[in-house]
Amino acid sequence: MRNRISRMALAGIILWGLAGCSGGDSPTTPGNQIHNNTPPALPSVSTMKPVLNFYDMPVPTLDQQTLSTGKPGDALQRTAEDHSNWINGYVRAIFAVFVTYDFLDEPVGAFALAINSVPQKQDDGSYLWTYIFVDGDIEYSVFLYGTRQEDTVAWRMEVSSNHPDHPLDHFVWFSGESKNDDTGGYWQFYTPVDETNGTESIRVDWSSAGPHDHTFMLTVNGSGLDNEGDTLTYHEGDDTSSVEFFDASATTTSSVVWNRDGSGGLTVPDYNGGARACWDTHQVNVACE
């Protein structure tokens, strides 16, 4: 799954330098103020890059073999004993979101850098955050625009670069909207076809119904792509959280569900014969009810 989605990364690693230089990971919390002379509040970084909440459950240490394959490595398998269902569930949930991070690290890094600048009001009423990163002879310029609408804020990030292999001229890396009440929004990412224009690749829809009720859904929506239609959904609730991956080409769904009390279960095609496997409140293997 990692290789299939990671191939979607925007022009390979166009903004590797930007992602690696981010100094912050939590922008201004959105609010409800709508004033022409006040910049719109920025969505949280978590609307692009979720962090899994395992409710303080004890989690295994993942070795390199496990991280590279998405399945418990030999060393981890030897320690699993009667916790094998939980360990498989944890590994597969982490790996599914790690795949998402693999694609989103660069735009998240660029977003975090841009929002640390001072926004400037533009003639059309929008606000512009800018950031310039120089790496030797190569210069990257990031432009983040926020425009208030009636109930939402429209966002657009443009990138320019004099990179000899990946020149860009105000290429729109992503666009999106966030609701003024901070209950939801979306991000649409693009892959460049030339210096200025791009085509849709990945869409992220996010919603929030409370402090501990969030949903993050990534969809491969680029037409003609090998993994077109694949989706990855993470939901965090007060008492139950889950990760679900739908493979459109194989028409299979993998899911991991865990509860605040420590119990949970997973259903994936290549584990336990595809049947649901469960663990109890102590993460010990147990028959599913």
C-alpha atoms as a PDB file:
ATOM      1  CA  MET A   1       0.000   0.000   0.000  1.00  0.00           C
ATOM      2  CA  ARG A   2       2.850   2.405   0.806  1.00  0.00           C
ATOM      3  CA  ASN A   3       4.475   2.078  -2.596  1.00  0.00           C
ATOM      4  CA  ARG A   4       1.183   2.495  -4.404  1.00  0.00           C
ATOM      5  CA  ILE A   5       0.320   5.783  -2.752  1.00  0.00           C
ATOM      6  CA  SER A   6       3.829   7.158  -2.352  1.00  0.00           C
ATOM      7  CA  ARG A   7       4.146   7.195  -6.152  1.00  0.00           C
ATOM      8  CA  MET A   8       1.580   9.982  -6.001  1.00  0.00           C
ATOM      9  CA  ALA A   9       4.004  12.356  -4.248  1.00  0.00           C
ATOM     10  CA  LEU A  10       3.972  15.713  -5.964  1.00  0.00           C
ATOM     11  CA  ALA A  11       6.696  15.642  -8.636  1.00  0.00           C
ATOM     12  CA  GLY A  12       8.733  13.314  -6.471  1.00  0.00           C
ATOM     13  CA  ILE A  13      10.292  15.547  -3.807  1.00  0.00           C
ATOM     14  CA  ILE A  14       9.984  19.054  -5.229  1.00  0.00           C
ATOM     15  CA  LEU A  15       9.676  20.634  -1.803  1.00  0.00           C
ATOM     16  CA  TRP A  16      11.887  18.332   0.290  1.00  0.00           C
ATOM     17  CA  GLY A  17      13.800  21.321   1.570  1.00  0.00           C
ATOM     18  CA  LEU A  18      10.652  23.126   2.654  1.00  0.00           C
ATOM     19  CA  ALA A  19       9.293  20.131   4.529  1.00  0.00           C
ATOM     20  CA  GLY A  20      12.551  19.598   6.369  1.00  0.00           C
ATOM     21  CA  CYS A  21      12.762  23.170   7.611  1.00  0.00           C
ATOM     22  CA  SER A  22       9.424  23.483   9.353  1.00  0.00           C
ATOM     23  CA  GLY A  23       9.827  24.834  12.836  1.00  0.00           C
ATOM     24  CA  GLY A  24       6.230  24.573  14.013  1.00  0.00           C
ATOM     25  CA  ASP A  25       3.317  22.175  13.765  1.00  0.00           C
ATOM     26  CA  SER A  26       0.356  24.027  15.189  1.00  0.00           C
ATOM     27  CA  PRO A  27      -1.006  27.116  13.411  1.00  0.00           C
ATOM     28  CA  THR A  28      -3.518  29.586  14.777  1.00  0.00           C
ATOM     29  CA  THR A  29      -6.758  27.988  15.957  1.00  0.00           C
ATOM     30  CA  PRO A  30      -9.650  28.967  13.666  1.00  0.00           C
ATOM     31  CA  GLY A  31     -12.292  31.303  15.018  1.00  0.00           C
ATOM     32  CA  ASN A  32     -15.519  32.926  13.930  1.00  0.00           C
ATOM     33  CA  GLN A  33     -14.420  36.534  13.438  1.00  0.00           C
ATOM     34  CA  ILE A  34     -15.174  37.919  10.018  1.00  0.00           C
ATOM     35  CA  HIS A  35     -13.687  41.386   9.621  1.00  0.00           C
ATOM     36  CA  ASN A  36     -12.316  42.820   6.415  1.00  0.00           C
ATOM     37  CA  ASN A  37      -9.187  44.040   8.154  1.00  0.00           C
ATOM     38  CA  THR A  38      -8.467  40.826  10.061  1.00  0.00           C
ATOM     39  CA  PRO A  39      -6.716  37.867   8.414  1.00  0.00           C
ATOM     40  CA  PRO A  40      -8.826  34.699   8.304  1.00  0.00           C
ATOM     41  CA  ALA A  41      -7.981  32.108  10.961  1.00  0.00           C
ATOM     42  CA  LEU A  42      -5.854  29.229   9.711  1.00  0.00           C
ATOM     43  CA  PRO A  43      -6.983  25.591   9.891  1.00  0.00           C
ATOM     44  CA  SER A  44      -4.964  23.271  12.117  1.00  0.00           C
ATOM     45  CA  VAL A  45      -2.141  21.224  10.583  1.00  0.00           C
ATOM     46  CA  SER A  46      -4.073  18.153  11.785  1.00  0.00           C
ATOM     47  CA  THR A  47      -6.613  18.802   9.003  1.00  0.00           C
ATOM     48  CA  MET A  48      -3.872  17.622   6.628  1.00  0.00           C
ATOM     49  CA  LYS A  49      -1.914  15.308   8.882  1.00  0.00           C
ATOM     50  CA  PRO A  50      -3.807  13.442  11.630  1.00  0.00           C
ATOM     51  CA  VAL A  51      -2.174  11.996  14.733  1.00  0.00           C
ATOM     52  CA  LEU A  52      -3.601   8.656  15.894  1.00  0.00           C
ATOM     53  CA  ASN A  53      -4.964   8.569  19.433  1.00  0.00           C
ATOM     54  CA  PHE A  54      -4.594   5.175  21.129  1.00  0.00           C
ATOM     55  CA  TYR A  55      -6.105   6.302  24.449  1.00  0.00           C
ATOM     56  CA  ASP A  56      -2.867   5.717  26.425  1.00  0.00           C
ATOM     57  CA  MET A  57      -2.797   2.013  25.483  1.00  0.00           C
ATOM     58  CA  PRO A  58       0.684   0.425  25.691  1.00  0.00           C
ATOM     59  CA  VAL A  59       2.029   0.215  22.150  1.00  0.00           C
ATOM     60  CA  PRO A  60       4.851  -1.947  20.725  1.00  0.00           C
ATOM     61  CA  THR A  61       8.150  -0.547  19.461  1.00  0.00           C
ATOM     62  CA  LEU A  62       8.328  -0.838  15.684  1.00  0.00           C
ATOM     63  CA  ASP A  63      11.574  -1.982  14.040  1.00  0.00           C
ATOM     64  CA  GLN A  64      12.732  -1.097  10.534  1.00  0.00           C
ATOM     65  CA  GLN A  65      11.453  -4.323   8.983  1.00  0.00           C
ATOM     66  CA  THR A  66       7.997  -3.622  10.367  1.00  0.00           C
ATOM     67  CA  LEU A  67       8.004  -0.005   9.168  1.00  0.00           C
ATOM     68  CA  SER A  68       9.133  -0.952   5.664  1.00  0.00           C
ATOM     69  CA  THR A  69       6.614  -3.761   5.109  1.00  0.00           C
ATOM     70  CA  GLY A  70       3.572  -2.696   7.107  1.00  0.00           C
ATOM     71  CA  LYS A  71       3.467  -6.076   8.853  1.00  0.00           C
ATOM     72  CA  PRO A  72       5.069  -7.136  12.170  1.00  0.00           C
ATOM     73  CA  GLY A  73       8.738  -7.993  11.525  1.00  0.00           C
ATOM     74  CA  ASP A  74      10.399 -11.175  12.729  1.00  0.00           C
ATOM     75  CA  ALA A  75      11.589  -9.647  16.011  1.00  0.00           C
ATOM     76  CA  LEU A  76       8.158  -8.220  16.786  1.00  0.00           C
ATOM     77  CA  GLN A  77       6.448 -11.480  15.853  1.00  0.00           C
ATOM     78  CA  ARG A  78       8.595 -13.337  18.409  1.00  0.00           C
ATOM     79  CA  THR A  79       7.345 -11.066  21.200  1.00  0.00           C
ATOM     80  CA  ALA A  80       3.708 -11.100  20.098  1.00  0.00           C
ATOM     81  CA  GLU A  81       2.624 -14.334  21.846  1.00  0.00           C
ATOM     82  CA  ASP A  82      -1.052 -13.923  22.774  1.00  0.00           C
ATOM     83  CA  HIS A  83      -1.043 -10.227  21.748  1.00  0.00           C
ATOM     84  CA  SER A  84      -0.628 -10.942  18.029  1.00  0.00           C
ATOM     85  CA  ASN A  85      -4.021  -9.545  17.008  1.00  0.00           C
ATOM     86  CA  TRP A  86      -3.395  -6.232  18.778  1.00  0.00           C
ATOM     87  CA  ILE A  87       0.151  -5.944  17.432  1.00  0.00           C
ATOM     88  CA  ASN A  88      -1.045  -6.599  13.888  1.00  0.00           C
ATOM     89  CA  GLY A  89      -3.843  -4.083  14.330  1.00  0.00           C
ATOM     90  CA  TYR A  90      -1.519  -1.412  15.691  1.00  0.00           C
ATOM     91  CA  VAL A  91       1.115  -1.961  12.995  1.00  0.00           C
ATOM     92  CA  ARG A  92      -1.396  -1.815  10.172  1.00  0.00           C
ATOM     93  CA  ALA A  93      -3.115   1.305  11.531  1.00  0.00           C
ATOM     94  CA  ILE A  94       0.211   3.103  11.972  1.00  0.00           C
ATOM     95  CA  PHE A  95       1.412   1.997   8.548  1.00  0.00           C
ATOM     96  CA  ALA A  96      -1.768   3.174   6.810  1.00  0.00           C
ATOM     97  CA  VAL A  97      -1.373   6.677   8.226  1.00  0.00           C
ATOM     98  CA  PHE A  98       2.389   6.574   7.656  1.00  0.00           C
ATOM     99  CA  VAL A  99       1.579   6.145   3.969  1.00  0.00           C
ATOM    100  CA  THR A 100      -0.508   9.297   4.162  1.00  0.00           C
ATOM    101  CA  TYR A 101       2.342  11.143   5.860  1.00  0.00           C
ATOM    102  CA  ASP A 102       4.671   9.993   3.084  1.00  0.00           C
ATOM    103  CA  PHE A 103       2.679  12.100   0.655  1.00  0.00           C
ATOM    104  CA  LEU A 104       1.639  14.916   2.970  1.00  0.00           C
ATOM    105  CA  ASP A 105       4.949  15.702   4.668  1.00  0.00           C
ATOM    106  CA  GLU A 106       5.939  18.177   1.943  1.00  0.00           C
ATOM    107  CA  PRO A 107       2.698  20.218   1.751  1.00  0.00           C
ATOM    108  CA  VAL A 108       2.368  20.158   5.545  1.00  0.00           C
ATOM    109  CA  GLY A 109       5.933  21.468   5.828  1.00  0.00           C
ATOM    110  CA  ALA A 110       5.303  24.208   3.282  1.00  0.00           C
ATOM    111  CA  PHE A 111       2.015  25.143   4.955  1.00  0.00           C
ATOM    112  CA  ALA A 112       3.671  25.353   8.388  1.00  0.00           C
ATOM    113  CA  LEU A 113       6.444  27.552   7.034  1.00  0.00           C
ATOM    114  CA  ALA A 114       4.115  29.944   5.245  1.00  0.00           C
ATOM    115  CA  ILE A 115       1.800  30.474   8.225  1.00  0.00           C
ATOM    116  CA  ASN A 116       4.707  31.636  10.362  1.00  0.00           C
ATOM    117  CA  SER A 117       4.986  34.741   8.169  1.00  0.00           C
ATOM    118  CA  VAL A 118       2.959  37.927   8.634  1.00  0.00           C
ATOM    119  CA  PRO A 119      -0.092  37.957   6.323  1.00  0.00           C
ATOM    120  CA  GLN A 120      -0.575  40.927   4.024  1.00  0.00           C
ATOM    121  CA  LYS A 121      -3.936  42.104   2.749  1.00  0.00           C
ATOM    122  CA  GLN A 122      -4.302  42.048  -1.044  1.00  0.00           C
ATOM    123  CA  ASP A 123      -6.282  44.370  -3.328  1.00  0.00           C
ATOM    124  CA  ASP A 124      -8.946  41.702  -3.888  1.00  0.00           C
ATOM    125  CA  GLY A 125      -9.591  41.380  -0.133  1.00  0.00           C
ATOM    126  CA  SER A 126      -7.637  38.161   0.331  1.00  0.00           C
ATOM    127  CA  TYR A 127      -4.666  37.759   2.665  1.00  0.00           C
ATOM    128  CA  LEU A 128      -1.292  36.442   1.586  1.00  0.00           C
ATOM    129  CA  TRP A 129       1.277  34.532   3.653  1.00  0.00           C
ATOM    130  CA  THR A 130       4.651  34.158   1.919  1.00  0.00           C
ATOM    131  CA  TYR A 131       7.828  32.212   2.576  1.00  0.00           C
ATOM    132  CA  ILE A 132      11.082  31.979   0.609  1.00  0.00           C
ATOM    133  CA  PHE A 133      13.551  29.134   1.038  1.00  0.00           C
ATOM    134  CA  VAL A 134      16.994  29.228  -0.588  1.00  0.00           C
ATOM    135  CA  ASP A 135      19.100  26.115  -1.067  1.00  0.00           C
ATOM    136  CA  GLY A 136      22.330  27.065  -2.829  1.00  0.00           C
ATOM    137  CA  ASP A 137      21.368  28.428  -6.237  1.00  0.00           C
ATOM    138  CA  ILE A 138      17.802  27.139  -5.971  1.00  0.00           C
ATOM    139  CA  GLU A 139      15.047  29.325  -4.560  1.00  0.00           C
ATOM    140  CA  TYR A 140      11.568  28.182  -3.564  1.00  0.00           C
ATOM    141  CA  SER A 141       8.775  30.700  -2.989  1.00  0.00           C
ATOM    142  CA  VAL A 142       5.534  29.709  -1.272  1.00  0.00           C
ATOM    143  CA  PHE A 143       2.394  31.847  -1.480  1.00  0.00           C
ATOM    144  CA  LEU A 144      -0.607  30.969   0.725  1.00  0.00           C
ATOM    145  CA  TYR A 145      -3.807  32.880  -0.008  1.00  0.00           C
ATOM    146  CA  GLY A 146      -6.861  33.002   2.279  1.00  0.00           C
ATOM    147  CA  THR A 147     -10.107  34.590   1.087  1.00  0.00           C
ATOM    148  CA  ARG A 148     -13.207  34.953   3.229  1.00  0.00           C
ATOM    149  CA  GLN A 149     -16.507  33.787   1.781  1.00  0.00           C
ATOM    150  CA  GLU A 150     -19.952  33.794   3.387  1.00  0.00           C
ATOM    151  CA  ASP A 151     -19.532  30.721   5.629  1.00  0.00           C
ATOM    152  CA  THR A 152     -16.064  29.524   4.670  1.00  0.00           C
ATOM    153  CA  VAL A 153     -12.523  30.594   3.888  1.00  0.00           C
ATOM    154  CA  ALA A 154     -11.074  29.645   0.489  1.00  0.00           C
ATOM    155  CA  TRP A 155      -7.395  28.629   0.546  1.00  0.00           C
ATOM    156  CA  ARG A 156      -4.828  28.341  -2.216  1.00  0.00           C
ATOM    157  CA  MET A 157      -1.115  27.612  -2.062  1.00  0.00           C
ATOM    158  CA  GLU A 158       1.116  28.473  -5.011  1.00  0.00           C
ATOM    159  CA  VAL A 159       4.759  27.484  -5.464  1.00  0.00           C
ATOM    160  CA  SER A 160       7.475  28.973  -7.647  1.00  0.00           C
ATOM    161  CA  SER A 161      10.969  27.539  -8.074  1.00  0.00           C
ATOM    162  CA  ASN A 162      13.997  27.956 -10.329  1.00  0.00           C
ATOM    163  CA  HIS A 163      14.950  24.297  -9.808  1.00  0.00           C
ATOM    164  CA  PRO A 164      16.516  23.142 -13.113  1.00  0.00           C
ATOM    165  CA  ASP A 165      14.687  19.786 -13.062  1.00  0.00           C
ATOM    166  CA  HIS A 166      11.374  21.021 -11.606  1.00  0.00           C
ATOM    167  CA  PRO A 167      10.844  24.690 -12.531  1.00  0.00           C
ATOM    168  CA  LEU A 168       7.551  26.080 -11.266  1.00  0.00           C
ATOM    169  CA  ASP A 169       5.776  29.382 -11.845  1.00  0.00           C
ATOM    170  CA  HIS A 170       2.994  29.996  -9.326  1.00  0.00           C
ATOM    171  CA  PHE A 171       1.901  26.405  -9.673  1.00  0.00           C
ATOM    172  CA  VAL A 172      -1.165  25.759  -7.466  1.00  0.00           C
ATOM    173  CA  TRP A 173       0.015  22.979  -5.150  1.00  0.00           C
ATOM    174  CA  PHE A 174      -3.281  22.724  -3.291  1.00  0.00           C
ATOM    175  CA  SER A 175      -6.538  24.562  -2.772  1.00  0.00           C
ATOM    176  CA  GLY A 176      -9.387  24.081  -0.325  1.00  0.00           C
ATOM    177  CA  GLU A 177     -11.961  25.505   2.029  1.00  0.00           C
ATOM    178  CA  SER A 178     -12.491  25.584   5.788  1.00  0.00           C
ATOM    179  CA  LYS A 179     -15.745  26.407   7.543  1.00  0.00           C
ATOM    180  CA  ASN A 180     -15.806  29.481   9.744  1.00  0.00           C
ATOM    181  CA  ASP A 181     -17.059  27.431  12.709  1.00  0.00           C
ATOM    182  CA  ASP A 182     -14.119  24.995  12.368  1.00  0.00           C
ATOM    183  CA  THR A 183     -16.390  21.985  11.765  1.00  0.00           C
ATOM    184  CA  GLY A 184     -14.919  20.860   8.465  1.00  0.00           C
ATOM    185  CA  GLY A 185     -13.366  21.520   5.121  1.00  0.00           C
ATOM    186  CA  TYR A 186     -11.258  19.966   2.391  1.00  0.00           C
ATOM    187  CA  TRP A 187      -7.882  20.155   0.652  1.00  0.00           C
ATOM    188  CA  GLN A 188      -7.388  19.329  -3.024  1.00  0.00           C
ATOM    189  CA  PHE A 189      -3.805  18.569  -4.110  1.00  0.00           C
ATOM    190  CA  TYR A 190      -2.454  18.765  -7.646  1.00  0.00           C
ATOM    191  CA  THR A 191       0.384  17.166  -9.625  1.00  0.00           C
ATOM    192  CA  PRO A 192       2.124  19.476 -12.128  1.00  0.00           C
ATOM    193  CA  VAL A 193       1.867  18.857 -15.850  1.00  0.00           C
ATOM    194  CA  ASP A 194       4.038  21.888 -16.671  1.00  0.00           C
ATOM    195  CA  GLU A 195       5.524  24.881 -14.844  1.00  0.00           C
ATOM    196  CA  THR A 196       2.135  26.491 -14.202  1.00  0.00           C
ATOM    197  CA  ASN A 197      -0.650  23.932 -14.576  1.00  0.00           C
ATOM    198  CA  GLY A 198      -1.519  20.767 -12.698  1.00  0.00           C
ATOM    199  CA  THR A 199      -4.007  17.934 -12.488  1.00  0.00           C
ATOM    200  CA  GLU A 200      -5.948  16.629  -9.483  1.00  0.00           C
ATOM    201  CA  SER A 201      -4.218  13.905  -7.497  1.00  0.00           C
ATOM    202  CA  ILE A 202      -5.358  13.649  -3.876  1.00  0.00           C
ATOM    203  CA  ARG A 203      -8.293  15.115  -1.954  1.00  0.00           C
ATOM    204  CA  VAL A 204      -8.512  15.298   1.830  1.00  0.00           C
ATOM    205  CA  ASP A 205     -11.865  15.883   3.526  1.00  0.00           C
ATOM    206  CA  TRP A 206     -11.899  16.628   7.251  1.00  0.00           C
ATOM    207  CA  SER A 207     -14.581  17.252   9.837  1.00  0.00           C
ATOM    208  CA  SER A 208     -14.699  17.940  13.549  1.00  0.00           C
ATOM    209  CA  ALA A 209     -17.756  17.548  15.772  1.00  0.00           C
ATOM    210  CA  GLY A 210     -15.981  18.190  19.082  1.00  0.00           C
ATOM    211  CA  PRO A 211     -12.636  18.144  20.905  1.00  0.00           C
ATOM    212  CA  HIS A 212     -12.358  14.361  20.461  1.00  0.00           C
ATOM    213  CA  ASP A 213     -14.515  13.695  17.415  1.00  0.00           C
ATOM    214  CA  HIS A 214     -12.552  14.092  14.184  1.00  0.00           C
ATOM    215  CA  THR A 215     -12.635  12.441  10.778  1.00  0.00           C
ATOM    216  CA  PHE A 216      -9.923  12.590   8.126  1.00  0.00           C
ATOM    217  CA  MET A 217     -10.498  11.023   4.695  1.00  0.00           C
ATOM    218  CA  LEU A 218      -7.920  10.867   1.902  1.00  0.00           C
ATOM    219  CA  THR A 219      -9.104   9.954  -1.606  1.00  0.00           C
ATOM    220  CA  VAL A 220      -6.975   9.343  -4.692  1.00  0.00           C
ATOM    221  CA  ASN A 221      -9.092  11.249  -7.205  1.00  0.00           C
ATOM    222  CA  GLY A 222      -6.662  11.711 -10.079  1.00  0.00           C
ATOM    223  CA  SER A 223      -8.237  10.395 -13.260  1.00  0.00           C
ATOM    224  CA  GLY A 224      -6.405   7.451 -14.816  1.00  0.00           C
ATOM    225  CA  LEU A 225      -4.068   6.848 -11.880  1.00  0.00           C
ATOM    226  CA  ASP A 226      -3.274   3.247 -10.930  1.00  0.00           C
ATOM    227  CA  ASN A 227      -4.750   3.750  -7.468  1.00  0.00           C
ATOM    228  CA  GLU A 228      -7.637   5.984  -8.486  1.00  0.00           C
ATOM    229  CA  GLY A 229     -10.524   5.565  -6.060  1.00  0.00           C
ATOM    230  CA  ASP A 230      -8.431   4.315  -3.118  1.00  0.00           C
ATOM    231  CA  THR A 231      -9.467   5.876   0.177  1.00  0.00           C
ATOM    232  CA  LEU A 232      -7.953   6.093   3.645  1.00  0.00           C
ATOM    233  CA  THR A 233     -10.197   7.163   6.521  1.00  0.00           C
ATOM    234  CA  TYR A 234      -9.231   7.869  10.116  1.00  0.00           C
ATOM    235  CA  HIS A 235     -11.872   8.582  12.747  1.00  0.00           C
ATOM    236  CA  GLU A 236     -11.172   9.561  16.337  1.00  0.00           C
ATOM    237  CA  GLY A 237     -14.079   9.458  18.785  1.00  0.00           C
ATOM    238  CA  ASP A 238     -14.460   9.890  22.529  1.00  0.00           C
ATOM    239  CA  ASP A 239     -14.479   6.133  23.105  1.00  0.00           C
ATOM    240  CA  THR A 240     -13.687   4.480  19.752  1.00  0.00           C
ATOM    241  CA  SER A 241     -11.240   5.207  16.923  1.00  0.00           C
ATOM    242  CA  SER A 242     -10.611   3.492  13.599  1.00  0.00           C
ATOM    243  CA  VAL A 243      -8.516   3.392  10.439  1.00  0.00           C
ATOM    244  CA  GLU A 244     -10.019   2.039   7.218  1.00  0.00           C
ATOM    245  CA  PHE A 245      -8.376   1.575   3.824  1.00  0.00           C
ATOM    246  CA  PHE A 246     -10.304   0.778   0.648  1.00  0.00           C
ATOM    247  CA  ASP A 247      -8.313  -0.635  -2.285  1.00  0.00           C
ATOM    248  CA  ALA A 248     -10.373   0.242  -5.345  1.00  0.00           C
ATOM    249  CA  SER A 249      -8.496  -2.013  -7.782  1.00  0.00           C
ATOM    250  CA  ALA A 250      -8.904  -5.082  -5.550  1.00  0.00           C
ATOM    251  CA  THR A 251     -12.280  -3.939  -4.167  1.00  0.00           C
ATOM    252  CA  THR A 252     -11.126  -4.879  -0.650  1.00  0.00           C
ATOM    253  CA  THR A 253     -11.425  -3.014   2.621  1.00  0.00           C
ATOM    254  CA  SER A 254      -9.028  -3.249   5.554  1.00  0.00           C
ATOM    255  CA  SER A 255     -10.046  -1.864   8.941  1.00  0.00           C
ATOM    256  CA  VAL A 256      -8.665  -1.539  12.464  1.00  0.00           C
ATOM    257  CA  VAL A 257     -10.901  -0.453  15.352  1.00  0.00           C
ATOM    258  CA  TRP A 258      -9.792   0.193  18.927  1.00  0.00           C
ATOM    259  CA  ASN A 259     -11.623   1.377  22.028  1.00  0.00           C
ATOM    260  CA  ARG A 260     -10.732   3.539  25.001  1.00  0.00           C
ATOM    261  CA  ASP A 261     -11.042   0.492  27.298  1.00  0.00           C
ATOM    262  CA  GLY A 262      -8.147  -1.177  25.420  1.00  0.00           C
ATOM    263  CA  SER A 263     -10.126  -3.674  23.343  1.00  0.00           C
ATOM    264  CA  GLY A 264     -10.543  -3.760  19.587  1.00  0.00           C
ATOM    265  CA  GLY A 265     -10.203  -5.750  16.395  1.00  0.00           C
ATOM    266  CA  LEU A 266      -8.969  -5.785  12.819  1.00  0.00           C
ATOM    267  CA  THR A 267     -10.204  -7.137   9.509  1.00  0.00           C
ATOM    268  CA  VAL A 268      -7.657  -7.284   6.680  1.00  0.00           C
ATOM    269  CA  PRO A 269      -7.476  -9.595   3.644  1.00  0.00           C
ATOM    270  CA  ASP A 270      -4.020 -11.017   4.455  1.00  0.00           C
ATOM    271  CA  TYR A 271      -4.454 -11.735   8.172  1.00  0.00           C
ATOM    272  CA  ASN A 272      -6.475 -14.453   9.881  1.00  0.00           C
ATOM    273  CA  GLY A 273      -7.811 -15.602   6.529  1.00  0.00           C
ATOM    274  CA  GLY A 274      -9.563 -12.285   6.116  1.00  0.00           C
ATOM    275  CA  ALA A 275     -11.802 -12.928   9.141  1.00  0.00           C
ATOM    276  CA  ARG A 276     -12.088 -10.434  11.968  1.00  0.00           C
ATOM    277  CA  ALA A 277      -9.521 -10.871  14.763  1.00  0.00           C
ATOM    278  CA  CYS A 278     -10.018  -9.285  18.196  1.00  0.00           C
ATOM    279  CA  TRP A 279      -8.253  -8.453  21.465  1.00  0.00           C
ATOM    280  CA  ASP A 280      -9.595  -7.730  24.940  1.00  0.00           C
ATOM    281  CA  THR A 281      -9.057  -4.822  27.318  1.00  0.00           C
ATOM    282  CA  HIS A 282      -5.537  -6.110  28.072  1.00  0.00           C
ATOM    283  CA  GLN A 283      -4.763  -6.494  24.342  1.00  0.00           C
ATOM    284  CA  VAL A 284      -4.840 -10.300  24.666  1.00  0.00           C
ATOM    285  CA  ASN A 285      -6.220 -12.340  21.746  1.00  0.00           C
ATOM    286  CA  VAL A 286      -9.893 -13.146  22.251  1.00  0.00           C
ATOM    287  CA  ALA A 287     -12.727 -14.548  20.161  1.00  0.00           C
ATOM    288  CA  CYS A 288     -14.747 -11.856  18.450  1.00  0.00           C
ATOM    289  CA  GLU A 289     -18.311 -11.476  19.637  1.00  0.00           C
END
